[in-house]
Amino acid sequence: MTDHSSEMPPSEGRDRIAKVLARAGLCSRRDAERWIAEGRVAVNGTVLTSPAVTVGPDDQVMVDGKPLPERQPTRVWRYHKPAGLVTTARDEKGRPTVFERLPASLPRVVSVGRLDINSEGLLLLTNDGALARYLELPSTGWSRRYRVRVHGEVDEKTLAGLARGTTVSGIQYGPIEATLDRRQGSNAWLTVTLREGKNREVRKVMESIGLTVTRLIRVAYGPFQLGNLDKGAVDEIRPNVLRDQLGAFLKKSGASDANRRRPT
């Protein structure tokens, strides 16, 4: 039996078990760690108790008593999330979720980041949990752009100052580009661009400068645009576009060859 108990950094040809599960399209890395804690994952016949385990191509990984599915090519979809849905697979309050509203024809997918229940607009979905994690990282460098309706007196100098970063309730937020598009009485529309996307970041930062967000629409995530996609609609991004935008990740993760085999 292969010894998988050594808790050390991955060596060549081996990966952390959570990463392997995510790349198989079963779950996010966070969910993988939870599944391990629940005793749902076994390697070479031994149920895991810690995610600090590496596995290689010769190890047998089982989830809920079933072997890992054959790895599928990485796929990404644009989804126009309506307001009123939570971005989670399960909600303890019983609220409707994004994943309950997706077409039944979609494979299992995870979201790239989240939009809160009152926010709408572009949400990227993928069958590759490792890709989702990669695109969420600020170090990836992808910006998130929003159209934001606010109530209150907009001071353009204060908006410009957000480009230096700000601290709200002890939380440090990175540079935010915010510009005034137009005023409508006591309301105004802004374009807001950021790279971190912390929990409710736009709402909290706007509140800190005396503005209340009354509508928030994400219109772009990195190079991908919401465009004229209808609310609730899903549109798959073509494989050749993925190769253009995500070539480095696909090559590093070993997904590039699988994507080339898919028709464009």
C-alpha atoms as a PDB file:
ATOM      1  CA  MET A   1       0.000   0.000   0.000  1.00  0.00           C
ATOM      2  CA  THR A   2       1.326   3.435  -0.921  1.00  0.00           C
ATOM      3  CA  ASP A   3       2.269   5.570   2.078  1.00  0.00           C
ATOM      4  CA  HIS A   4       0.250   8.807   1.797  1.00  0.00           C
ATOM      5  CA  SER A   5       0.616   9.922   5.385  1.00  0.00           C
ATOM      6  CA  SER A   6       3.651  12.186   4.954  1.00  0.00           C
ATOM      7  CA  GLU A   7       2.528  15.756   5.535  1.00  0.00           C
ATOM      8  CA  MET A   8       5.030  17.686   3.434  1.00  0.00           C
ATOM      9  CA  PRO A   9       5.012  20.066   0.459  1.00  0.00           C
ATOM     10  CA  PRO A  10       4.057  18.371  -2.810  1.00  0.00           C
ATOM     11  CA  SER A  11       6.956  16.762  -4.695  1.00  0.00           C
ATOM     12  CA  GLU A  12       7.185  16.408  -8.448  1.00  0.00           C
ATOM     13  CA  GLY A  13       4.192  14.505  -9.815  1.00  0.00           C
ATOM     14  CA  ARG A  14       2.256  14.807  -6.556  1.00  0.00           C
ATOM     15  CA  ASP A  15      -0.370  17.348  -5.457  1.00  0.00           C
ATOM     16  CA  ARG A  16      -2.312  18.207  -2.334  1.00  0.00           C
ATOM     17  CA  ILE A  17      -5.469  16.127  -2.102  1.00  0.00           C
ATOM     18  CA  ALA A  18      -7.725  19.214  -1.977  1.00  0.00           C
ATOM     19  CA  LYS A  19      -6.178  20.467  -5.219  1.00  0.00           C
ATOM     20  CA  VAL A  20      -6.717  17.089  -6.870  1.00  0.00           C
ATOM     21  CA  LEU A  21     -10.396  17.015  -5.899  1.00  0.00           C
ATOM     22  CA  ALA A  22     -10.873  20.576  -7.118  1.00  0.00           C
ATOM     23  CA  ARG A  23      -9.240  19.880 -10.461  1.00  0.00           C
ATOM     24  CA  ALA A  24     -11.455  16.837 -10.890  1.00  0.00           C
ATOM     25  CA  GLY A  25     -14.370  19.281 -10.853  1.00  0.00           C
ATOM     26  CA  LEU A  26     -15.924  17.798  -7.728  1.00  0.00           C
ATOM     27  CA  CYS A  27     -15.708  20.810  -5.441  1.00  0.00           C
ATOM     28  CA  SER A  28     -13.721  23.852  -4.427  1.00  0.00           C
ATOM     29  CA  ARG A  29     -10.599  23.430  -2.307  1.00  0.00           C
ATOM     30  CA  ARG A  30     -12.509  24.769   0.696  1.00  0.00           C
ATOM     31  CA  ASP A  31     -15.244  22.170   0.197  1.00  0.00           C
ATOM     32  CA  ALA A  32     -12.610  19.465  -0.276  1.00  0.00           C
ATOM     33  CA  GLU A  33     -11.177  20.223   3.148  1.00  0.00           C
ATOM     34  CA  ARG A  34     -14.664  20.016   4.639  1.00  0.00           C
ATOM     35  CA  TRP A  35     -15.319  16.684   2.903  1.00  0.00           C
ATOM     36  CA  ILE A  36     -12.074  15.308   4.353  1.00  0.00           C
ATOM     37  CA  ALA A  37     -13.076  16.455   7.846  1.00  0.00           C
ATOM     38  CA  GLU A  38     -16.390  14.624   7.337  1.00  0.00           C
ATOM     39  CA  GLY A  39     -14.573  11.378   6.462  1.00  0.00           C
ATOM     40  CA  ARG A  40     -15.777  11.292   2.857  1.00  0.00           C
ATOM     41  CA  VAL A  41     -12.356  10.954   1.198  1.00  0.00           C
ATOM     42  CA  ALA A  42     -10.078   7.899   1.197  1.00  0.00           C
ATOM     43  CA  VAL A  43      -6.678   7.275  -0.401  1.00  0.00           C
ATOM     44  CA  ASN A  44      -5.543   3.729  -1.046  1.00  0.00           C
ATOM     45  CA  GLY A  45      -8.269   2.391   1.227  1.00  0.00           C
ATOM     46  CA  THR A  46      -7.540   4.654   4.205  1.00  0.00           C
ATOM     47  CA  VAL A  47     -10.015   7.399   5.155  1.00  0.00           C
ATOM     48  CA  LEU A  48      -8.257  10.750   5.438  1.00  0.00           C
ATOM     49  CA  THR A  49      -8.447  12.874   8.565  1.00  0.00           C
ATOM     50  CA  SER A  50      -6.286  15.766   7.332  1.00  0.00           C
ATOM     51  CA  PRO A  51      -6.022  17.681   4.038  1.00  0.00           C
ATOM     52  CA  ALA A  52      -2.230  17.884   4.480  1.00  0.00           C
ATOM     53  CA  VAL A  53      -1.746  14.856   2.243  1.00  0.00           C
ATOM     54  CA  THR A  54      -0.237  14.596  -1.225  1.00  0.00           C
ATOM     55  CA  VAL A  55      -1.200  12.060  -3.862  1.00  0.00           C
ATOM     56  CA  GLY A  56       0.278  10.966  -7.162  1.00  0.00           C
ATOM     57  CA  PRO A  57      -1.049   9.293 -10.306  1.00  0.00           C
ATOM     58  CA  ASP A  58      -0.635   5.804  -8.814  1.00  0.00           C
ATOM     59  CA  ASP A  59      -2.730   6.522  -5.701  1.00  0.00           C
ATOM     60  CA  GLN A  60      -6.375   5.474  -5.627  1.00  0.00           C
ATOM     61  CA  VAL A  61      -8.587   8.332  -4.465  1.00  0.00           C
ATOM     62  CA  MET A  62     -12.194   7.615  -3.479  1.00  0.00           C
ATOM     63  CA  VAL A  63     -14.940  10.092  -2.572  1.00  0.00           C
ATOM     64  CA  ASP A  64     -18.089   8.702  -0.961  1.00  0.00           C
ATOM     65  CA  GLY A  65     -16.894   5.244  -1.986  1.00  0.00           C
ATOM     66  CA  LYS A  66     -16.534   6.170  -5.676  1.00  0.00           C
ATOM     67  CA  PRO A  67     -13.313   6.711  -7.654  1.00  0.00           C
ATOM     68  CA  LEU A  68     -12.515  10.137  -9.007  1.00  0.00           C
ATOM     69  CA  PRO A  69     -14.095  10.783 -12.404  1.00  0.00           C
ATOM     70  CA  GLU A  70     -11.808  11.120 -15.391  1.00  0.00           C
ATOM     71  CA  ARG A  71     -10.619  14.685 -15.544  1.00  0.00           C
ATOM     72  CA  GLN A  72     -12.662  16.825 -17.910  1.00  0.00           C
ATOM     73  CA  PRO A  73     -11.378  19.741 -19.990  1.00  0.00           C
ATOM     74  CA  THR A  74     -11.554  23.049 -18.148  1.00  0.00           C
ATOM     75  CA  ARG A  75     -14.733  24.939 -19.035  1.00  0.00           C
ATOM     76  CA  VAL A  76     -15.957  28.404 -18.020  1.00  0.00           C
ATOM     77  CA  TRP A  77     -19.370  30.038 -18.328  1.00  0.00           C
ATOM     78  CA  ARG A  78     -20.663  33.591 -17.969  1.00  0.00           C
ATOM     79  CA  TYR A  79     -23.800  33.797 -15.837  1.00  0.00           C
ATOM     80  CA  HIS A  80     -25.970  36.879 -15.341  1.00  0.00           C
ATOM     81  CA  LYS A  81     -26.875  36.581 -11.681  1.00  0.00           C
ATOM     82  CA  PRO A  82     -30.147  38.284 -10.734  1.00  0.00           C
ATOM     83  CA  ALA A  83     -30.555  39.984  -7.357  1.00  0.00           C
ATOM     84  CA  GLY A  84     -32.234  37.801  -4.731  1.00  0.00           C
ATOM     85  CA  LEU A  85     -30.030  34.711  -5.086  1.00  0.00           C
ATOM     86  CA  VAL A  86     -27.201  33.682  -2.783  1.00  0.00           C
ATOM     87  CA  THR A  87     -23.959  32.364  -4.270  1.00  0.00           C
ATOM     88  CA  THR A  88     -23.689  29.132  -2.339  1.00  0.00           C
ATOM     89  CA  ALA A  89     -24.574  25.499  -2.903  1.00  0.00           C
ATOM     90  CA  ARG A  90     -26.623  25.334   0.300  1.00  0.00           C
ATOM     91  CA  ASP A  91     -28.144  28.131   2.365  1.00  0.00           C
ATOM     92  CA  GLU A  92     -28.911  27.598   6.033  1.00  0.00           C
ATOM     93  CA  LYS A  93     -31.693  30.189   5.850  1.00  0.00           C
ATOM     94  CA  GLY A  94     -33.445  28.434   2.982  1.00  0.00           C
ATOM     95  CA  ARG A  95     -32.967  31.300   0.543  1.00  0.00           C
ATOM     96  CA  PRO A  96     -32.864  30.549  -3.204  1.00  0.00           C
ATOM     97  CA  THR A  97     -29.363  29.903  -4.530  1.00  0.00           C
ATOM     98  CA  VAL A  98     -27.595  30.507  -7.807  1.00  0.00           C
ATOM     99  CA  PHE A  99     -26.991  26.799  -8.298  1.00  0.00           C
ATOM    100  CA  GLU A 100     -30.675  25.908  -7.949  1.00  0.00           C
ATOM    101  CA  ARG A 101     -31.436  28.176 -10.916  1.00  0.00           C
ATOM    102  CA  LEU A 102     -28.785  26.934 -13.333  1.00  0.00           C
ATOM    103  CA  PRO A 103     -29.803  24.827 -16.350  1.00  0.00           C
ATOM    104  CA  ALA A 104     -29.868  21.090 -15.673  1.00  0.00           C
ATOM    105  CA  SER A 105     -27.604  20.580 -18.704  1.00  0.00           C
ATOM    106  CA  LEU A 106     -24.621  22.138 -16.916  1.00  0.00           C
ATOM    107  CA  PRO A 107     -22.111  19.819 -15.225  1.00  0.00           C
ATOM    108  CA  ARG A 108     -21.199  20.434 -11.603  1.00  0.00           C
ATOM    109  CA  VAL A 109     -19.709  23.927 -11.400  1.00  0.00           C
ATOM    110  CA  VAL A 110     -18.278  26.275  -8.794  1.00  0.00           C
ATOM    111  CA  SER A 111     -18.352  30.054  -8.866  1.00  0.00           C
ATOM    112  CA  VAL A 112     -15.344  32.310  -9.253  1.00  0.00           C
ATOM    113  CA  GLY A 113     -15.822  34.419  -6.133  1.00  0.00           C
ATOM    114  CA  ARG A 114     -19.271  35.503  -5.042  1.00  0.00           C
ATOM    115  CA  LEU A 115     -21.893  38.188  -5.434  1.00  0.00           C
ATOM    116  CA  ASP A 116     -24.009  38.890  -2.356  1.00  0.00           C
ATOM    117  CA  ILE A 117     -27.746  38.355  -2.397  1.00  0.00           C
ATOM    118  CA  ASN A 118     -28.569  41.953  -3.342  1.00  0.00           C
ATOM    119  CA  SER A 119     -25.908  42.212  -6.058  1.00  0.00           C
ATOM    120  CA  GLU A 120     -26.356  41.236  -9.684  1.00  0.00           C
ATOM    121  CA  GLY A 121     -24.403  40.905 -12.894  1.00  0.00           C
ATOM    122  CA  LEU A 122     -21.511  38.808 -14.135  1.00  0.00           C
ATOM    123  CA  LEU A 123     -20.635  35.644 -12.226  1.00  0.00           C
ATOM    124  CA  LEU A 124     -18.095  33.279 -13.761  1.00  0.00           C
ATOM    125  CA  LEU A 125     -18.732  29.560 -13.329  1.00  0.00           C
ATOM    126  CA  THR A 126     -16.257  26.740 -13.969  1.00  0.00           C
ATOM    127  CA  ASN A 127     -15.988  22.979 -13.657  1.00  0.00           C
ATOM    128  CA  ASP A 128     -12.383  23.418 -12.428  1.00  0.00           C
ATOM    129  CA  GLY A 129     -12.174  24.322  -8.747  1.00  0.00           C
ATOM    130  CA  ALA A 130      -8.427  25.022  -8.987  1.00  0.00           C
ATOM    131  CA  LEU A 131      -9.069  27.579 -11.712  1.00  0.00           C
ATOM    132  CA  ALA A 132     -11.757  29.244  -9.592  1.00  0.00           C
ATOM    133  CA  ARG A 133      -9.268  29.642  -6.754  1.00  0.00           C
ATOM    134  CA  TYR A 134      -6.587  30.974  -9.124  1.00  0.00           C
ATOM    135  CA  LEU A 135      -8.887  33.633 -10.581  1.00  0.00           C
ATOM    136  CA  GLU A 136     -10.003  34.795  -7.120  1.00  0.00           C
ATOM    137  CA  LEU A 137      -6.468  35.619  -5.998  1.00  0.00           C
ATOM    138  CA  PRO A 138      -5.496  39.322  -6.135  1.00  0.00           C
ATOM    139  CA  SER A 139      -2.067  38.188  -7.358  1.00  0.00           C
ATOM    140  CA  THR A 140      -3.693  36.986 -10.592  1.00  0.00           C
ATOM    141  CA  GLY A 141      -4.202  40.675 -11.357  1.00  0.00           C
ATOM    142  CA  TRP A 142      -7.710  40.491 -12.766  1.00  0.00           C
ATOM    143  CA  SER A 143      -9.897  43.495 -12.023  1.00  0.00           C
ATOM    144  CA  ARG A 144     -13.604  43.451 -11.186  1.00  0.00           C
ATOM    145  CA  ARG A 145     -15.650  46.314 -12.628  1.00  0.00           C
ATOM    146  CA  TYR A 146     -19.067  47.403 -11.339  1.00  0.00           C
ATOM    147  CA  ARG A 147     -21.804  49.868 -12.177  1.00  0.00           C
ATOM    148  CA  VAL A 148     -22.953  51.198  -8.813  1.00  0.00           C
ATOM    149  CA  ARG A 149     -25.983  53.341  -7.974  1.00  0.00           C
ATOM    150  CA  VAL A 150     -25.533  55.266  -4.742  1.00  0.00           C
ATOM    151  CA  HIS A 151     -27.665  57.572  -2.641  1.00  0.00           C
ATOM    152  CA  GLY A 152     -25.998  60.592  -1.079  1.00  0.00           C
ATOM    153  CA  GLU A 153     -23.780  63.530  -1.933  1.00  0.00           C
ATOM    154  CA  VAL A 154     -20.919  62.387  -4.165  1.00  0.00           C
ATOM    155  CA  ASP A 155     -17.615  64.183  -3.723  1.00  0.00           C
ATOM    156  CA  GLU A 156     -15.386  63.434  -6.685  1.00  0.00           C
ATOM    157  CA  LYS A 157     -12.202  64.318  -4.788  1.00  0.00           C
ATOM    158  CA  THR A 158     -13.120  61.772  -2.108  1.00  0.00           C
ATOM    159  CA  LEU A 159     -13.804  59.172  -4.798  1.00  0.00           C
ATOM    160  CA  ALA A 160     -10.398  59.823  -6.343  1.00  0.00           C
ATOM    161  CA  GLY A 161      -8.778  59.343  -2.937  1.00  0.00           C
ATOM    162  CA  LEU A 162      -9.942  55.722  -2.857  1.00  0.00           C
ATOM    163  CA  ALA A 163      -7.206  54.977  -5.409  1.00  0.00           C
ATOM    164  CA  ARG A 164      -4.721  55.162  -2.513  1.00  0.00           C
ATOM    165  CA  GLY A 165      -6.553  52.417  -0.598  1.00  0.00           C
ATOM    166  CA  THR A 166      -8.573  52.843   2.563  1.00  0.00           C
ATOM    167  CA  THR A 167      -9.263  51.247   5.938  1.00  0.00           C
ATOM    168  CA  VAL A 168     -12.811  50.597   7.157  1.00  0.00           C
ATOM    169  CA  SER A 169     -13.520  49.143  10.616  1.00  0.00           C
ATOM    170  CA  GLY A 170      -9.940  47.920  10.843  1.00  0.00           C
ATOM    171  CA  ILE A 171     -10.001  46.182   7.436  1.00  0.00           C
ATOM    172  CA  GLN A 172      -7.489  47.402   4.842  1.00  0.00           C
ATOM    173  CA  TYR A 173      -8.832  47.676   1.298  1.00  0.00           C
ATOM    174  CA  GLY A 174      -6.571  48.046  -1.697  1.00  0.00           C
ATOM    175  CA  PRO A 175      -6.780  50.735  -4.373  1.00  0.00           C
ATOM    176  CA  ILE A 176     -10.243  51.313  -5.817  1.00  0.00           C
ATOM    177  CA  GLU A 177     -10.871  53.298  -8.980  1.00  0.00           C
ATOM    178  CA  ALA A 178     -14.218  55.091  -8.676  1.00  0.00           C
ATOM    179  CA  THR A 179     -15.547  57.654 -11.127  1.00  0.00           C
ATOM    180  CA  LEU A 180     -18.824  59.556 -11.289  1.00  0.00           C
ATOM    181  CA  ASP A 181     -20.846  58.773 -14.411  1.00  0.00           C
ATOM    182  CA  ARG A 182     -23.961  60.852 -13.802  1.00  0.00           C
ATOM    183  CA  ARG A 183     -26.163  62.343 -11.107  1.00  0.00           C
ATOM    184  CA  GLN A 184     -29.931  61.783 -10.772  1.00  0.00           C
ATOM    185  CA  GLY A 185     -31.187  64.053  -8.022  1.00  0.00           C
ATOM    186  CA  SER A 186     -29.960  62.604  -4.730  1.00  0.00           C
ATOM    187  CA  ASN A 187     -28.721  59.475  -6.525  1.00  0.00           C
ATOM    188  CA  ALA A 188     -25.728  58.912  -8.748  1.00  0.00           C
ATOM    189  CA  TRP A 189     -24.199  56.186 -10.913  1.00  0.00           C
ATOM    190  CA  LEU A 190     -20.539  55.308 -10.457  1.00  0.00           C
ATOM    191  CA  THR A 191     -18.096  53.005 -12.219  1.00  0.00           C
ATOM    192  CA  VAL A 192     -16.009  51.164  -9.633  1.00  0.00           C
ATOM    193  CA  THR A 193     -12.999  48.948 -10.382  1.00  0.00           C
ATOM    194  CA  LEU A 194     -11.066  46.886  -7.833  1.00  0.00           C
ATOM    195  CA  ARG A 195      -8.784  43.857  -7.732  1.00  0.00           C
ATOM    196  CA  GLU A 196      -9.389  42.221  -4.357  1.00  0.00           C
ATOM    197  CA  GLY A 197     -13.129  41.708  -4.030  1.00  0.00           C
ATOM    198  CA  LYS A 198     -13.314  41.280  -0.256  1.00  0.00           C
ATOM    199  CA  ASN A 199     -16.686  40.535   1.349  1.00  0.00           C
ATOM    200  CA  ARG A 200     -19.132  43.368   0.509  1.00  0.00           C
ATOM    201  CA  GLU A 201     -16.159  45.597  -0.262  1.00  0.00           C
ATOM    202  CA  VAL A 202     -17.911  48.103  -2.497  1.00  0.00           C
ATOM    203  CA  ARG A 203     -20.837  48.567  -0.112  1.00  0.00           C
ATOM    204  CA  LYS A 204     -18.618  48.992   2.952  1.00  0.00           C
ATOM    205  CA  VAL A 205     -16.203  51.415   1.314  1.00  0.00           C
ATOM    206  CA  MET A 206     -19.013  53.541  -0.145  1.00  0.00           C
ATOM    207  CA  GLU A 207     -20.746  53.656   3.244  1.00  0.00           C
ATOM    208  CA  SER A 208     -17.488  54.864   4.796  1.00  0.00           C
ATOM    209  CA  ILE A 209     -17.608  57.971   2.580  1.00  0.00           C
ATOM    210  CA  GLY A 210     -21.284  58.672   3.234  1.00  0.00           C
ATOM    211  CA  LEU A 211     -22.856  56.869   0.282  1.00  0.00           C
ATOM    212  CA  THR A 212     -25.472  54.111   0.391  1.00  0.00           C
ATOM    213  CA  VAL A 213     -25.352  51.549  -2.406  1.00  0.00           C
ATOM    214  CA  THR A 214     -28.846  50.959  -3.774  1.00  0.00           C
ATOM    215  CA  ARG A 215     -27.861  48.840  -6.774  1.00  0.00           C
ATOM    216  CA  LEU A 216     -24.666  46.985  -7.656  1.00  0.00           C
ATOM    217  CA  ILE A 217     -24.047  45.325 -11.015  1.00  0.00           C
ATOM    218  CA  ARG A 218     -20.802  43.555 -11.882  1.00  0.00           C
ATOM    219  CA  VAL A 219     -20.144  44.208 -15.557  1.00  0.00           C
ATOM    220  CA  ALA A 220     -16.684  42.649 -15.980  1.00  0.00           C
ATOM    221  CA  TYR A 221     -14.344  40.152 -14.349  1.00  0.00           C
ATOM    222  CA  GLY A 222     -10.904  40.355 -15.907  1.00  0.00           C
ATOM    223  CA  PRO A 223     -11.270  40.162 -19.697  1.00  0.00           C
ATOM    224  CA  PHE A 224     -14.786  38.716 -19.547  1.00  0.00           C
ATOM    225  CA  GLN A 225     -17.743  41.079 -19.938  1.00  0.00           C
ATOM    226  CA  LEU A 226     -21.395  40.855 -18.938  1.00  0.00           C
ATOM    227  CA  GLY A 227     -22.350  42.477 -22.229  1.00  0.00           C
ATOM    228  CA  ASN A 228     -25.975  41.972 -23.231  1.00  0.00           C
ATOM    229  CA  LEU A 229     -26.386  38.596 -21.511  1.00  0.00           C
ATOM    230  CA  ASP A 230     -29.970  38.371 -20.222  1.00  0.00           C
ATOM    231  CA  LYS A 231     -30.672  38.018 -16.503  1.00  0.00           C
ATOM    232  CA  GLY A 232     -30.512  34.370 -15.499  1.00  0.00           C
ATOM    233  CA  ALA A 233     -28.845  33.376 -18.774  1.00  0.00           C
ATOM    234  CA  VAL A 234     -25.695  31.230 -19.049  1.00  0.00           C
ATOM    235  CA  ASP A 235     -23.213  31.379 -21.913  1.00  0.00           C
ATOM    236  CA  GLU A 236     -20.137  29.170 -22.269  1.00  0.00           C
ATOM    237  CA  ILE A 237     -16.849  30.862 -23.118  1.00  0.00           C
ATOM    238  CA  ARG A 238     -15.309  29.282 -26.204  1.00  0.00           C
ATOM    239  CA  PRO A 239     -12.241  27.046 -25.648  1.00  0.00           C
ATOM    240  CA  ASN A 240     -10.061  29.136 -27.969  1.00  0.00           C
ATOM    241  CA  VAL A 241     -10.875  32.232 -25.898  1.00  0.00           C
ATOM    242  CA  LEU A 242      -9.965  30.348 -22.720  1.00  0.00           C
ATOM    243  CA  ARG A 243      -6.634  29.355 -24.246  1.00  0.00           C
ATOM    244  CA  ASP A 244      -5.956  32.994 -25.153  1.00  0.00           C
ATOM    245  CA  GLN A 245      -6.812  34.321 -21.677  1.00  0.00           C
ATOM    246  CA  LEU A 246      -5.773  31.424 -19.446  1.00  0.00           C
ATOM    247  CA  GLY A 247      -3.004  29.742 -21.410  1.00  0.00           C
ATOM    248  CA  ALA A 248      -0.434  29.905 -18.596  1.00  0.00           C
ATOM    249  CA  PHE A 249      -2.791  28.346 -16.052  1.00  0.00           C
ATOM    250  CA  LEU A 250      -4.039  25.648 -18.425  1.00  0.00           C
ATOM    251  CA  LYS A 251      -0.486  24.663 -19.363  1.00  0.00           C
ATOM    252  CA  LYS A 252       0.678  24.554 -15.742  1.00  0.00           C
ATOM    253  CA  SER A 253      -2.339  22.518 -14.620  1.00  0.00           C
ATOM    254  CA  GLY A 254      -2.081  20.068 -17.492  1.00  0.00           C
ATOM    255  CA  ALA A 255      -5.500  21.011 -18.863  1.00  0.00           C
ATOM    256  CA  SER A 256      -4.278  22.582 -22.095  1.00  0.00           C
ATOM    257  CA  ASP A 257      -4.092  19.325 -24.071  1.00  0.00           C
ATOM    258  CA  ALA A 258      -7.616  18.338 -22.999  1.00  0.00           C
ATOM    259  CA  ASN A 259      -8.923  21.741 -24.083  1.00  0.00           C
ATOM    260  CA  ARG A 260      -7.279  21.417 -27.486  1.00  0.00           C
ATOM    261  CA  ARG A 261      -9.208  18.219 -28.054  1.00  0.00           C
ATOM    262  CA  ARG A 262     -12.527  20.013 -27.628  1.00  0.00           C
ATOM    263  CA  PRO A 263     -14.130  21.445 -30.790  1.00  0.00           C
ATOM    264  CA  THR A 264     -14.114  25.261 -30.932  1.00  0.00           C
END
